[in-house]
Amino acid sequence: MIRWMVGTSLKLRYLVLVTAAALMVFGLIQLPRTPLDVFPEFAPPRVEIQTPSLGMSAEEVESLITVPLEQAFNGLEGLDIMRSKSIPDLSSIELLFKPGTNELRARQVVQERLGAVLPTM
């Protein structure tokens, strides 16, 4: 079987070369039409909020900044995991959304919630 294929390919080498060239040209023509999302995004959408708070201890940062922000972000549409870290002078909250969530929409919703809670802090 393989011997026949190799033998026929050698006999008709010009046909094989023309076919290979035609397939390459076809691929090059189709390349600009290929959608960009051919390769799926493996990392889930992620939004991180860092709030500086100069002169505050880690406990103060947690009670005055991190906890109110966490409460504001609870229940966000598509929110999968919320991680927070409070250190002296800085509150960091990382929001991981479910795969397939529109990242721009997630950022917009986070920005809206942030805008609603900041005046009360």
C-alpha atoms as a PDB file:
ATOM      1  CA  MET A   1       0.000   0.000   0.000  1.00  0.00           C
ATOM      2  CA  ILE A   2       2.659   2.507   1.045  1.00  0.00           C
ATOM      3  CA  ARG A   3       4.997   1.297  -1.698  1.00  0.00           C
ATOM      4  CA  TRP A   4       2.247   1.961  -4.259  1.00  0.00           C
ATOM      5  CA  MET A   5       1.586   5.463  -2.843  1.00  0.00           C
ATOM      6  CA  VAL A   6       5.257   6.411  -2.896  1.00  0.00           C
ATOM      7  CA  GLY A   7       5.723   4.968  -6.380  1.00  0.00           C
ATOM      8  CA  THR A   8       2.687   6.793  -7.771  1.00  0.00           C
ATOM      9  CA  SER A   9       3.757  10.036  -6.105  1.00  0.00           C
ATOM     10  CA  LEU A  10       7.185   9.765  -7.698  1.00  0.00           C
ATOM     11  CA  LYS A  11       5.708   9.038 -11.123  1.00  0.00           C
ATOM     12  CA  LEU A  12       3.265  11.954 -10.847  1.00  0.00           C
ATOM     13  CA  ARG A  13       5.599  14.274  -8.931  1.00  0.00           C
ATOM     14  CA  TYR A  14       4.517  17.364 -10.869  1.00  0.00           C
ATOM     15  CA  LEU A  15       0.875  16.695 -10.022  1.00  0.00           C
ATOM     16  CA  VAL A  16       1.835  16.278  -6.347  1.00  0.00           C
ATOM     17  CA  LEU A  17       3.789  19.574  -6.414  1.00  0.00           C
ATOM     18  CA  VAL A  18       0.933  21.442  -8.118  1.00  0.00           C
ATOM     19  CA  THR A  19      -1.575  20.030  -5.612  1.00  0.00           C
ATOM     20  CA  ALA A  20       0.649  21.011  -2.660  1.00  0.00           C
ATOM     21  CA  ALA A  21       1.132  24.523  -4.077  1.00  0.00           C
ATOM     22  CA  ALA A  22      -2.627  24.878  -4.663  1.00  0.00           C
ATOM     23  CA  LEU A  23      -3.343  23.854  -1.060  1.00  0.00           C
ATOM     24  CA  MET A  24      -0.787  26.380   0.227  1.00  0.00           C
ATOM     25  CA  VAL A  25      -2.324  29.167  -1.873  1.00  0.00           C
ATOM     26  CA  PHE A  26      -5.791  28.197  -0.654  1.00  0.00           C
ATOM     27  CA  GLY A  27      -4.555  28.326   2.969  1.00  0.00           C
ATOM     28  CA  LEU A  28      -3.002  31.755   2.455  1.00  0.00           C
ATOM     29  CA  ILE A  29      -6.231  33.055   0.904  1.00  0.00           C
ATOM     30  CA  GLN A  30      -8.289  31.721   3.824  1.00  0.00           C
ATOM     31  CA  LEU A  31      -5.933  33.059   6.508  1.00  0.00           C
ATOM     32  CA  PRO A  32      -7.372  36.622   6.644  1.00  0.00           C
ATOM     33  CA  ARG A  33     -10.896  35.200   6.840  1.00  0.00           C
ATOM     34  CA  THR A  34     -10.105  33.024   9.844  1.00  0.00           C
ATOM     35  CA  PRO A  35     -11.818  34.321  12.994  1.00  0.00           C
ATOM     36  CA  LEU A  36      -9.512  35.452  15.782  1.00  0.00           C
ATOM     37  CA  ASP A  37     -11.200  33.292  18.405  1.00  0.00           C
ATOM     38  CA  VAL A  38     -10.056  30.043  16.811  1.00  0.00           C
ATOM     39  CA  PHE A  39      -7.991  29.412  19.919  1.00  0.00           C
ATOM     40  CA  PRO A  40     -10.139  29.478  23.063  1.00  0.00           C
ATOM     41  CA  GLU A  41      -9.197  31.618  26.030  1.00  0.00           C
ATOM     42  CA  PHE A  42      -8.115  29.295  28.839  1.00  0.00           C
ATOM     43  CA  ALA A  43      -7.781  31.868  31.607  1.00  0.00           C
ATOM     44  CA  PRO A  44     -11.057  33.032  33.123  1.00  0.00           C
ATOM     45  CA  PRO A  45     -11.885  36.749  32.986  1.00  0.00           C
ATOM     46  CA  ARG A  46     -10.233  38.519  35.900  1.00  0.00           C
ATOM     47  CA  VAL A  47     -10.600  41.951  37.479  1.00  0.00           C
ATOM     48  CA  GLU A  48      -8.308  43.213  40.220  1.00  0.00           C
ATOM     49  CA  ILE A  49      -9.013  46.194  42.455  1.00  0.00           C
ATOM     50  CA  GLN A  50      -6.155  47.683  44.470  1.00  0.00           C
ATOM     51  CA  THR A  51      -6.966  50.428  46.933  1.00  0.00           C
ATOM     52  CA  PRO A  52      -4.096  52.311  48.563  1.00  0.00           C
ATOM     53  CA  SER A  53      -4.709  53.553  52.090  1.00  0.00           C
ATOM     54  CA  LEU A  54      -1.670  55.333  53.423  1.00  0.00           C
ATOM     55  CA  GLY A  55      -0.996  55.139  57.132  1.00  0.00           C
ATOM     56  CA  MET A  56      -3.446  52.318  57.927  1.00  0.00           C
ATOM     57  CA  SER A  57      -2.577  48.996  59.529  1.00  0.00           C
ATOM     58  CA  ALA A  58      -3.619  45.727  57.902  1.00  0.00           C
ATOM     59  CA  GLU A  59      -6.539  45.356  60.336  1.00  0.00           C
ATOM     60  CA  GLU A  60      -7.817  48.854  59.589  1.00  0.00           C
ATOM     61  CA  VAL A  61      -7.474  48.282  55.851  1.00  0.00           C
ATOM     62  CA  GLU A  62      -9.459  45.069  56.143  1.00  0.00           C
ATOM     63  CA  SER A  63     -12.279  46.461  58.268  1.00  0.00           C
ATOM     64  CA  LEU A  64     -12.618  49.868  56.591  1.00  0.00           C
ATOM     65  CA  ILE A  65     -11.878  49.047  52.937  1.00  0.00           C
ATOM     66  CA  THR A  66     -11.657  45.347  52.071  1.00  0.00           C
ATOM     67  CA  VAL A  67     -14.796  44.075  53.826  1.00  0.00           C
ATOM     68  CA  PRO A  68     -17.124  46.828  52.494  1.00  0.00           C
ATOM     69  CA  LEU A  69     -15.783  46.277  48.971  1.00  0.00           C
ATOM     70  CA  GLU A  70     -16.218  42.503  49.274  1.00  0.00           C
ATOM     71  CA  GLN A  71     -19.812  43.016  50.395  1.00  0.00           C
ATOM     72  CA  ALA A  72     -20.426  45.303  47.428  1.00  0.00           C
ATOM     73  CA  PHE A  73     -19.005  42.775  44.959  1.00  0.00           C
ATOM     74  CA  ASN A  74     -20.881  39.775  46.372  1.00  0.00           C
ATOM     75  CA  GLY A  75     -23.575  38.623  43.978  1.00  0.00           C
ATOM     76  CA  LEU A  76     -22.019  40.038  40.814  1.00  0.00           C
ATOM     77  CA  GLU A  77     -23.327  38.317  37.715  1.00  0.00           C
ATOM     78  CA  GLY A  78     -20.886  35.609  36.597  1.00  0.00           C
ATOM     79  CA  LEU A  79     -18.620  35.964  39.645  1.00  0.00           C
ATOM     80  CA  ASP A  80     -16.933  32.657  40.406  1.00  0.00           C
ATOM     81  CA  ILE A  81     -14.162  33.363  42.935  1.00  0.00           C
ATOM     82  CA  MET A  82     -13.298  36.404  45.040  1.00  0.00           C
ATOM     83  CA  ARG A  83      -9.894  36.632  46.707  1.00  0.00           C
ATOM     84  CA  SER A  84      -8.765  39.474  48.904  1.00  0.00           C
ATOM     85  CA  LYS A  85      -5.616  40.484  50.688  1.00  0.00           C
ATOM     86  CA  SER A  86      -5.175  43.276  53.202  1.00  0.00           C
ATOM     87  CA  ILE A  87      -1.702  44.480  54.026  1.00  0.00           C
ATOM     88  CA  PRO A  88      -0.566  47.729  55.616  1.00  0.00           C
ATOM     89  CA  ASP A  89      -1.409  50.610  53.265  1.00  0.00           C
ATOM     90  CA  LEU A  90      -3.054  48.416  50.581  1.00  0.00           C
ATOM     91  CA  SER A  91      -6.234  46.447  49.929  1.00  0.00           C
ATOM     92  CA  SER A  92      -6.210  44.044  46.982  1.00  0.00           C
ATOM     93  CA  ILE A  93      -9.308  42.216  45.728  1.00  0.00           C
ATOM     94  CA  GLU A  94      -9.174  39.790  42.811  1.00  0.00           C
ATOM     95  CA  LEU A  95     -12.437  38.802  41.118  1.00  0.00           C
ATOM     96  CA  LEU A  96     -12.425  35.724  38.882  1.00  0.00           C
ATOM     97  CA  PHE A  97     -15.453  35.333  36.644  1.00  0.00           C
ATOM     98  CA  LYS A  98     -16.857  32.182  35.088  1.00  0.00           C
ATOM     99  CA  PRO A  99     -15.394  31.230  31.700  1.00  0.00           C
ATOM    100  CA  GLY A 100     -17.391  32.764  28.886  1.00  0.00           C
ATOM    101  CA  THR A 101     -18.177  35.937  30.816  1.00  0.00           C
ATOM    102  CA  ASN A 102     -17.612  39.049  28.737  1.00  0.00           C
ATOM    103  CA  GLU A 103     -14.561  40.694  30.307  1.00  0.00           C
ATOM    104  CA  LEU A 104     -15.549  44.220  29.305  1.00  0.00           C
ATOM    105  CA  ARG A 105     -19.019  43.756  30.792  1.00  0.00           C
ATOM    106  CA  ALA A 106     -17.501  42.336  33.995  1.00  0.00           C
ATOM    107  CA  ARG A 107     -15.222  45.369  34.322  1.00  0.00           C
ATOM    108  CA  GLN A 108     -18.156  47.700  33.730  1.00  0.00           C
ATOM    109  CA  VAL A 109     -20.263  46.050  36.443  1.00  0.00           C
ATOM    110  CA  VAL A 110     -17.331  46.159  38.877  1.00  0.00           C
ATOM    111  CA  GLN A 111     -16.791  49.849  38.084  1.00  0.00           C
ATOM    112  CA  GLU A 112     -20.491  50.573  38.701  1.00  0.00           C
ATOM    113  CA  ARG A 113     -20.455  48.775  42.068  1.00  0.00           C
ATOM    114  CA  LEU A 114     -17.224  50.535  42.990  1.00  0.00           C
ATOM    115  CA  GLY A 115     -18.748  53.901  42.127  1.00  0.00           C
ATOM    116  CA  ALA A 116     -21.767  53.131  44.298  1.00  0.00           C
ATOM    117  CA  VAL A 117     -19.794  52.093  47.387  1.00  0.00           C
ATOM    118  CA  LEU A 118     -16.913  54.612  47.346  1.00  0.00           C
ATOM    119  CA  PRO A 119     -18.974  57.622  48.513  1.00  0.00           C
ATOM    120  CA  THR A 120     -20.005  55.673  51.627  1.00  0.00           C
ATOM    121  CA  MET A 121     -16.420  54.877  52.643  1.00  0.00           C
END
